[in-house]
């Protein structure tokens, strides 16, 4: 089911039921995919750009070759004009639709006097923050699992501190486990780390975190926050 009118095309051959969340996610990922797949792009020995086609042409062509400048000119044509939204919503998903709050998970909508406002009670503070937790976003978007991201942890800690050493000497004692370094440590069991936060309670801490030390002082001990301990110190360039 494909309709073409005035240069625009509409594909209506795929549908997802309200309870088919995984299918809906696949469809959204497909719609939001970038114009060029970097995984299928490479350089030839003489410096030309080789792009592998996802589906071969009828004549059997599997790759296309571009001169670098020609390839860049084609990419430039895909760059949107300034101040133009990359994603546009229409119908009930449009920003000014009075039905938007009825069809979006967060119940958000600009119309305060529309049908949504009449049928929905005032949202609670937790409902206003109805969005994914950071850990859920990392897994959903980048497929980063907490128990398999030791490289990511290294980039967030040691490499960050290493990059700032010349400008901020204090960072030479950060992001390391060694004698003389600041004792900022997290002790956890990778097999038991779980995201316990929910839309209703987004501030719940991760499960499986046994101990957290800041400057050698426990702020989490045996999984329990030590609310009276505040050993953190600001890192200042002049200190």
C-alpha atoms as a PDB file:
ATOM      1  CA  UNK A   1       0.000   0.000   0.000  1.00  0.00           C
ATOM      2  CA  UNK A   2       1.978   2.934  -1.333  1.00  0.00           C
ATOM      3  CA  UNK A   3       0.481   6.234  -2.419  1.00  0.00           C
ATOM      4  CA  UNK A   4       2.323   8.906  -4.420  1.00  0.00           C
ATOM      5  CA  UNK A   5       0.964  12.438  -4.789  1.00  0.00           C
ATOM      6  CA  UNK A   6       2.758  15.603  -5.899  1.00  0.00           C
ATOM      7  CA  UNK A   7       6.205  14.138  -5.311  1.00  0.00           C
ATOM      8  CA  UNK A   8       5.397  12.752  -1.864  1.00  0.00           C
ATOM      9  CA  UNK A   9       5.022   9.050  -1.114  1.00  0.00           C
ATOM     10  CA  UNK A  10       3.220   7.366   1.757  1.00  0.00           C
ATOM     11  CA  UNK A  11       3.846   3.751   2.707  1.00  0.00           C
ATOM     12  CA  UNK A  12       0.972   2.251   4.663  1.00  0.00           C
ATOM     13  CA  UNK A  13       1.756  -1.426   4.289  1.00  0.00           C
ATOM     14  CA  UNK A  14       3.066  -1.940   7.831  1.00  0.00           C
ATOM     15  CA  UNK A  15       0.916  -1.700  10.951  1.00  0.00           C
ATOM     16  CA  UNK A  16       1.558  -2.384  14.624  1.00  0.00           C
ATOM     17  CA  UNK A  17      -1.061  -3.112  17.237  1.00  0.00           C
ATOM     18  CA  UNK A  18      -1.074  -1.194  20.504  1.00  0.00           C
ATOM     19  CA  UNK A  19       0.420  -4.153  22.402  1.00  0.00           C
ATOM     20  CA  UNK A  20       3.164  -4.884  19.834  1.00  0.00           C
ATOM     21  CA  UNK A  21       5.752  -2.619  21.428  1.00  0.00           C
ATOM     22  CA  UNK A  22       8.811  -4.406  20.018  1.00  0.00           C
ATOM     23  CA  UNK A  23       7.412  -4.221  16.496  1.00  0.00           C
ATOM     24  CA  UNK A  24       6.632  -0.539  16.977  1.00  0.00           C
ATOM     25  CA  UNK A  25      10.194   0.076  18.190  1.00  0.00           C
ATOM     26  CA  UNK A  26      11.651  -1.678  15.133  1.00  0.00           C
ATOM     27  CA  UNK A  27       9.449   0.433  12.896  1.00  0.00           C
ATOM     28  CA  UNK A  28      10.508   3.654  14.642  1.00  0.00           C
ATOM     29  CA  UNK A  29      14.181   2.686  14.428  1.00  0.00           C
ATOM     30  CA  UNK A  30      13.739   2.005  10.709  1.00  0.00           C
ATOM     31  CA  UNK A  31      12.032   5.337  10.102  1.00  0.00           C
ATOM     32  CA  UNK A  32      14.671   7.249  12.088  1.00  0.00           C
ATOM     33  CA  UNK A  33      17.677   5.509  10.526  1.00  0.00           C
ATOM     34  CA  UNK A  34      20.353   7.779   9.016  1.00  0.00           C
ATOM     35  CA  UNK A  35      20.510   8.364   5.282  1.00  0.00           C
ATOM     36  CA  UNK A  36      23.939   6.699   4.986  1.00  0.00           C
ATOM     37  CA  UNK A  37      25.128   3.562   6.759  1.00  0.00           C
ATOM     38  CA  UNK A  38      28.753   3.950   7.818  1.00  0.00           C
ATOM     39  CA  UNK A  39      29.018   0.172   8.255  1.00  0.00           C
ATOM     40  CA  UNK A  40      28.582  -0.289   4.502  1.00  0.00           C
ATOM     41  CA  UNK A  41      30.951   2.508   3.518  1.00  0.00           C
ATOM     42  CA  UNK A  42      34.689   2.150   2.945  1.00  0.00           C
ATOM     43  CA  UNK A  43      37.595   3.616   0.989  1.00  0.00           C
ATOM     44  CA  UNK A  44      39.284   1.955  -1.956  1.00  0.00           C
ATOM     45  CA  UNK A  45      43.055   1.807  -2.328  1.00  0.00           C
ATOM     46  CA  UNK A  46      43.057   4.854  -4.618  1.00  0.00           C
ATOM     47  CA  UNK A  47      40.983   6.941  -2.187  1.00  0.00           C
ATOM     48  CA  UNK A  48      37.547   6.585  -3.742  1.00  0.00           C
ATOM     49  CA  UNK A  49      34.436   6.049  -1.633  1.00  0.00           C
ATOM     50  CA  UNK A  50      32.872   2.614  -1.976  1.00  0.00           C
ATOM     51  CA  UNK A  51      29.325   2.124  -0.718  1.00  0.00           C
ATOM     52  CA  UNK A  52      27.743  -1.313  -0.444  1.00  0.00           C
ATOM     53  CA  UNK A  53      24.100  -1.474  -1.464  1.00  0.00           C
ATOM     54  CA  UNK A  54      21.708  -3.060   1.000  1.00  0.00           C
ATOM     55  CA  UNK A  55      19.799  -4.631  -1.889  1.00  0.00           C
ATOM     56  CA  UNK A  56      21.582  -5.309  -5.224  1.00  0.00           C
ATOM     57  CA  UNK A  57      20.270  -3.612  -8.353  1.00  0.00           C
ATOM     58  CA  UNK A  58      18.441  -5.656 -10.970  1.00  0.00           C
ATOM     59  CA  UNK A  59      21.622  -5.794 -13.056  1.00  0.00           C
ATOM     60  CA  UNK A  60      23.536  -7.363 -10.141  1.00  0.00           C
ATOM     61  CA  UNK A  61      25.351  -4.216  -8.951  1.00  0.00           C
ATOM     62  CA  UNK A  62      26.309  -4.572  -5.264  1.00  0.00           C
ATOM     63  CA  UNK A  63      28.542  -1.489  -4.769  1.00  0.00           C
ATOM     64  CA  UNK A  64      28.735   2.054  -6.092  1.00  0.00           C
ATOM     65  CA  UNK A  65      31.918   4.109  -6.317  1.00  0.00           C
ATOM     66  CA  UNK A  66      32.174   7.882  -5.816  1.00  0.00           C
ATOM     67  CA  UNK A  67      34.929  10.427  -6.087  1.00  0.00           C
ATOM     68  CA  UNK A  68      35.383  12.027  -2.623  1.00  0.00           C
ATOM     69  CA  UNK A  69      34.133  15.470  -3.710  1.00  0.00           C
ATOM     70  CA  UNK A  70      31.176  13.957  -5.515  1.00  0.00           C
ATOM     71  CA  UNK A  71      30.267  11.942  -2.409  1.00  0.00           C
ATOM     72  CA  UNK A  72      30.542  15.034  -0.185  1.00  0.00           C
ATOM     73  CA  UNK A  73      28.302  17.023  -2.540  1.00  0.00           C
ATOM     74  CA  UNK A  74      25.645  14.319  -2.277  1.00  0.00           C
ATOM     75  CA  UNK A  75      25.902  14.368   1.533  1.00  0.00           C
ATOM     76  CA  UNK A  76      25.601  18.165   1.604  1.00  0.00           C
ATOM     77  CA  UNK A  77      22.312  17.898  -0.260  1.00  0.00           C
ATOM     78  CA  UNK A  78      20.954  15.890   2.705  1.00  0.00           C
ATOM     79  CA  UNK A  79      21.822  18.559   5.305  1.00  0.00           C
ATOM     80  CA  UNK A  80      18.594  20.307   6.382  1.00  0.00           C
ATOM     81  CA  UNK A  81      18.246  24.070   6.320  1.00  0.00           C
ATOM     82  CA  UNK A  82      19.000  25.962   9.563  1.00  0.00           C
ATOM     83  CA  UNK A  83      16.288  25.899  12.230  1.00  0.00           C
ATOM     84  CA  UNK A  84      14.379  23.110  10.507  1.00  0.00           C
ATOM     85  CA  UNK A  85      13.246  20.211  12.711  1.00  0.00           C
ATOM     86  CA  UNK A  86      14.679  16.872  11.614  1.00  0.00           C
ATOM     87  CA  UNK A  87      11.620  15.016  12.858  1.00  0.00           C
ATOM     88  CA  UNK A  88       8.166  16.346  12.107  1.00  0.00           C
ATOM     89  CA  UNK A  89       4.963  15.060  13.628  1.00  0.00           C
ATOM     90  CA  UNK A  90       1.550  15.219  12.012  1.00  0.00           C
ATOM     91  CA  UNK A  91      -2.004  14.313  12.920  1.00  0.00           C
ATOM     92  CA  UNK A  92      -2.580  13.417  16.573  1.00  0.00           C
ATOM     93  CA  UNK A  93       1.188  13.584  17.199  1.00  0.00           C
ATOM     94  CA  UNK A  94       1.436  17.201  16.019  1.00  0.00           C
ATOM     95  CA  UNK A  95       2.495  19.680  18.754  1.00  0.00           C
ATOM     96  CA  UNK A  96      -0.797  21.593  18.626  1.00  0.00           C
ATOM     97  CA  UNK A  97      -3.101  18.585  18.395  1.00  0.00           C
ATOM     98  CA  UNK A  98      -5.597  18.484  21.248  1.00  0.00           C
ATOM     99  CA  UNK A  99      -5.379  14.677  21.150  1.00  0.00           C
ATOM    100  CA  UNK A 100      -1.601  14.496  21.625  1.00  0.00           C
ATOM    101  CA  UNK A 101      -1.844  13.858  25.372  1.00  0.00           C
ATOM    102  CA  UNK A 102      -4.094  10.853  24.734  1.00  0.00           C
ATOM    103  CA  UNK A 103      -1.622   9.002  22.522  1.00  0.00           C
ATOM    104  CA  UNK A 104       1.795   9.821  24.055  1.00  0.00           C
ATOM    105  CA  UNK A 105       3.203   7.865  27.048  1.00  0.00           C
ATOM    106  CA  UNK A 106       4.033  11.023  29.011  1.00  0.00           C
ATOM    107  CA  UNK A 107       0.543  12.499  28.418  1.00  0.00           C
ATOM    108  CA  UNK A 108       2.117  15.690  27.121  1.00  0.00           C
ATOM    109  CA  UNK A 109       0.239  18.235  25.067  1.00  0.00           C
ATOM    110  CA  UNK A 110      -0.008  21.997  24.675  1.00  0.00           C
ATOM    111  CA  UNK A 111      -3.790  22.157  24.794  1.00  0.00           C
ATOM    112  CA  UNK A 112      -5.010  22.780  28.332  1.00  0.00           C
ATOM    113  CA  UNK A 113      -8.660  22.983  27.397  1.00  0.00           C
ATOM    114  CA  UNK A 114      -8.827  20.089  24.998  1.00  0.00           C
ATOM    115  CA  UNK A 115     -10.299  16.638  25.447  1.00  0.00           C
ATOM    116  CA  UNK A 116      -7.093  15.304  27.014  1.00  0.00           C
ATOM    117  CA  UNK A 117      -7.197  17.870  29.817  1.00  0.00           C
ATOM    118  CA  UNK A 118     -10.849  17.149  30.495  1.00  0.00           C
ATOM    119  CA  UNK A 119     -10.383  13.393  30.736  1.00  0.00           C
ATOM    120  CA  UNK A 120      -7.013  13.270  32.495  1.00  0.00           C
ATOM    121  CA  UNK A 121      -6.481  14.292  36.152  1.00  0.00           C
ATOM    122  CA  UNK A 122      -3.656  16.656  37.054  1.00  0.00           C
ATOM    123  CA  UNK A 123      -0.371  14.743  36.722  1.00  0.00           C
ATOM    124  CA  UNK A 124       1.680  13.984  39.790  1.00  0.00           C
ATOM    125  CA  UNK A 125       5.338  15.139  39.992  1.00  0.00           C
ATOM    126  CA  UNK A 126       6.417  11.569  39.193  1.00  0.00           C
ATOM    127  CA  UNK A 127       4.207  11.463  36.105  1.00  0.00           C
ATOM    128  CA  UNK A 128       5.626  14.774  34.895  1.00  0.00           C
ATOM    129  CA  UNK A 129       9.033  13.126  34.870  1.00  0.00           C
ATOM    130  CA  UNK A 130       7.715  10.103  33.008  1.00  0.00           C
ATOM    131  CA  UNK A 131      10.751   9.257  30.901  1.00  0.00           C
ATOM    132  CA  UNK A 132      13.388   6.563  30.694  1.00  0.00           C
ATOM    133  CA  UNK A 133      16.118   6.429  33.281  1.00  0.00           C
ATOM    134  CA  UNK A 134      19.677   7.095  32.069  1.00  0.00           C
ATOM    135  CA  UNK A 135      20.622   3.418  32.344  1.00  0.00           C
ATOM    136  CA  UNK A 136      17.591   2.464  30.265  1.00  0.00           C
ATOM    137  CA  UNK A 137      18.497   5.023  27.616  1.00  0.00           C
ATOM    138  CA  UNK A 138      22.072   3.712  27.378  1.00  0.00           C
ATOM    139  CA  UNK A 139      20.787   0.178  26.815  1.00  0.00           C
ATOM    140  CA  UNK A 140      18.017   1.162  24.408  1.00  0.00           C
ATOM    141  CA  UNK A 141      20.004   3.575  22.230  1.00  0.00           C
ATOM    142  CA  UNK A 142      23.619   2.350  22.438  1.00  0.00           C
ATOM    143  CA  UNK A 143      23.059  -1.250  23.616  1.00  0.00           C
ATOM    144  CA  UNK A 144      25.391  -0.678  26.585  1.00  0.00           C
ATOM    145  CA  UNK A 145      24.819  -3.127  29.407  1.00  0.00           C
ATOM    146  CA  UNK A 146      26.039  -2.050  32.843  1.00  0.00           C
ATOM    147  CA  UNK A 147      27.740  -5.384  33.495  1.00  0.00           C
ATOM    148  CA  UNK A 148      29.607  -5.321  30.173  1.00  0.00           C
ATOM    149  CA  UNK A 149      30.726  -1.679  30.016  1.00  0.00           C
ATOM    150  CA  UNK A 150      34.109  -1.828  31.768  1.00  0.00           C
ATOM    151  CA  UNK A 151      35.598   0.013  28.781  1.00  0.00           C
ATOM    152  CA  UNK A 152      32.920   2.689  29.087  1.00  0.00           C
ATOM    153  CA  UNK A 153      33.650   3.051  32.803  1.00  0.00           C
ATOM    154  CA  UNK A 154      37.312   3.519  32.005  1.00  0.00           C
ATOM    155  CA  UNK A 155      36.509   6.251  29.498  1.00  0.00           C
ATOM    156  CA  UNK A 156      34.232   7.997  31.979  1.00  0.00           C
ATOM    157  CA  UNK A 157      36.785   7.920  34.809  1.00  0.00           C
ATOM    158  CA  UNK A 158      40.467   7.386  34.000  1.00  0.00           C
ATOM    159  CA  UNK A 159      40.527   8.850  30.486  1.00  0.00           C
ATOM    160  CA  UNK A 160      38.525  11.889  31.560  1.00  0.00           C
ATOM    161  CA  UNK A 161      40.912  12.544  34.434  1.00  0.00           C
ATOM    162  CA  UNK A 162      43.921  11.925  32.183  1.00  0.00           C
ATOM    163  CA  UNK A 163      42.672  14.460  29.662  1.00  0.00           C
ATOM    164  CA  UNK A 164      42.403  17.170  32.331  1.00  0.00           C
ATOM    165  CA  UNK A 165      45.757  16.580  34.064  1.00  0.00           C
ATOM    166  CA  UNK A 166      47.626  19.494  32.499  1.00  0.00           C
ATOM    167  CA  UNK A 167      44.900  22.040  33.207  1.00  0.00           C
ATOM    168  CA  UNK A 168      43.762  20.663  36.580  1.00  0.00           C
ATOM    169  CA  UNK A 169      46.626  18.938  38.464  1.00  0.00           C
ATOM    170  CA  UNK A 170      44.215  17.477  41.047  1.00  0.00           C
ATOM    171  CA  UNK A 171      42.863  15.071  38.443  1.00  0.00           C
ATOM    172  CA  UNK A 172      46.184  13.189  38.559  1.00  0.00           C
ATOM    173  CA  UNK A 173      44.793  11.562  41.720  1.00  0.00           C
ATOM    174  CA  UNK A 174      41.406  10.761  40.148  1.00  0.00           C
ATOM    175  CA  UNK A 175      40.174   7.795  38.149  1.00  0.00           C
ATOM    176  CA  UNK A 176      42.898   5.463  39.430  1.00  0.00           C
ATOM    177  CA  UNK A 177      43.257   2.688  41.968  1.00  0.00           C
ATOM    178  CA  UNK A 178      46.791   3.124  43.285  1.00  0.00           C
ATOM    179  CA  UNK A 179      48.758   4.325  46.309  1.00  0.00           C
ATOM    180  CA  UNK A 180      48.404   8.071  46.781  1.00  0.00           C
ATOM    181  CA  UNK A 181      45.289   8.396  44.627  1.00  0.00           C
ATOM    182  CA  UNK A 182      41.973   9.661  45.976  1.00  0.00           C
ATOM    183  CA  UNK A 183      39.893   6.751  47.260  1.00  0.00           C
ATOM    184  CA  UNK A 184      36.829   7.232  45.087  1.00  0.00           C
ATOM    185  CA  UNK A 185      35.616   3.664  44.617  1.00  0.00           C
ATOM    186  CA  UNK A 186      32.466   1.761  43.691  1.00  0.00           C
ATOM    187  CA  UNK A 187      32.239  -1.897  44.720  1.00  0.00           C
ATOM    188  CA  UNK A 188      29.541  -3.820  42.877  1.00  0.00           C
ATOM    189  CA  UNK A 189      28.564  -7.292  41.728  1.00  0.00           C
ATOM    190  CA  UNK A 190      28.103  -7.271  37.930  1.00  0.00           C
ATOM    191  CA  UNK A 191      25.758 -10.249  38.141  1.00  0.00           C
ATOM    192  CA  UNK A 192      23.369  -8.438  40.474  1.00  0.00           C
ATOM    193  CA  UNK A 193      23.391  -4.896  39.090  1.00  0.00           C
ATOM    194  CA  UNK A 194      19.831  -4.018  38.135  1.00  0.00           C
ATOM    195  CA  UNK A 195      17.967  -0.841  37.308  1.00  0.00           C
ATOM    196  CA  UNK A 196      15.238  -0.497  39.919  1.00  0.00           C
ATOM    197  CA  UNK A 197      14.009   2.953  38.884  1.00  0.00           C
ATOM    198  CA  UNK A 198      10.501   3.236  37.483  1.00  0.00           C
ATOM    199  CA  UNK A 199       8.440   6.018  35.999  1.00  0.00           C
ATOM    200  CA  UNK A 200       6.700   6.420  39.348  1.00  0.00           C
ATOM    201  CA  UNK A 201       9.965   6.305  41.339  1.00  0.00           C
ATOM    202  CA  UNK A 202      12.769   7.487  39.022  1.00  0.00           C
ATOM    203  CA  UNK A 203      15.201   8.196  41.905  1.00  0.00           C
ATOM    204  CA  UNK A 204      15.526   4.595  43.125  1.00  0.00           C
ATOM    205  CA  UNK A 205      19.216   3.576  43.203  1.00  0.00           C
ATOM    206  CA  UNK A 206      20.689   0.698  41.241  1.00  0.00           C
ATOM    207  CA  UNK A 207      20.581  -2.716  42.828  1.00  0.00           C
ATOM    208  CA  UNK A 208      23.807  -4.682  43.304  1.00  0.00           C
ATOM    209  CA  UNK A 209      25.910  -1.692  44.407  1.00  0.00           C
ATOM    210  CA  UNK A 210      27.588  -2.880  47.622  1.00  0.00           C
ATOM    211  CA  UNK A 211      29.816   0.054  48.608  1.00  0.00           C
ATOM    212  CA  UNK A 212      30.625   3.549  47.376  1.00  0.00           C
ATOM    213  CA  UNK A 213      33.563   5.486  48.837  1.00  0.00           C
ATOM    214  CA  UNK A 214      34.288   9.156  48.237  1.00  0.00           C
ATOM    215  CA  UNK A 215      37.631  10.426  49.524  1.00  0.00           C
ATOM    216  CA  UNK A 216      37.929   7.219  51.533  1.00  0.00           C
ATOM    217  CA  UNK A 217      34.590   7.690  53.313  1.00  0.00           C
ATOM    218  CA  UNK A 218      31.601   5.393  52.826  1.00  0.00           C
ATOM    219  CA  UNK A 219      28.594   7.090  51.249  1.00  0.00           C
ATOM    220  CA  UNK A 220      27.005   3.711  50.499  1.00  0.00           C
ATOM    221  CA  UNK A 221      27.791   0.767  52.763  1.00  0.00           C
ATOM    222  CA  UNK A 222      26.370  -2.717  52.303  1.00  0.00           C
ATOM    223  CA  UNK A 223      23.868  -1.283  49.850  1.00  0.00           C
ATOM    224  CA  UNK A 224      22.580   1.363  52.270  1.00  0.00           C
ATOM    225  CA  UNK A 225      23.174   5.098  51.678  1.00  0.00           C
ATOM    226  CA  UNK A 226      25.023   6.865  54.494  1.00  0.00           C
ATOM    227  CA  UNK A 227      22.983  10.057  54.492  1.00  0.00           C
ATOM    228  CA  UNK A 228      25.096  11.914  57.060  1.00  0.00           C
ATOM    229  CA  UNK A 229      28.345  11.500  55.126  1.00  0.00           C
ATOM    230  CA  UNK A 230      29.216  14.238  52.633  1.00  0.00           C
ATOM    231  CA  UNK A 231      32.954  13.845  51.952  1.00  0.00           C
ATOM    232  CA  UNK A 232      32.885  15.154  48.393  1.00  0.00           C
ATOM    233  CA  UNK A 233      35.129  18.098  47.552  1.00  0.00           C
ATOM    234  CA  UNK A 234      35.034  20.379  44.522  1.00  0.00           C
ATOM    235  CA  UNK A 235      37.974  20.077  42.126  1.00  0.00           C
ATOM    236  CA  UNK A 236      39.438  23.526  41.541  1.00  0.00           C
ATOM    237  CA  UNK A 237      42.206  24.513  39.171  1.00  0.00           C
ATOM    238  CA  UNK A 238      43.958  26.749  41.721  1.00  0.00           C
ATOM    239  CA  UNK A 239      44.089  24.200  44.565  1.00  0.00           C
END
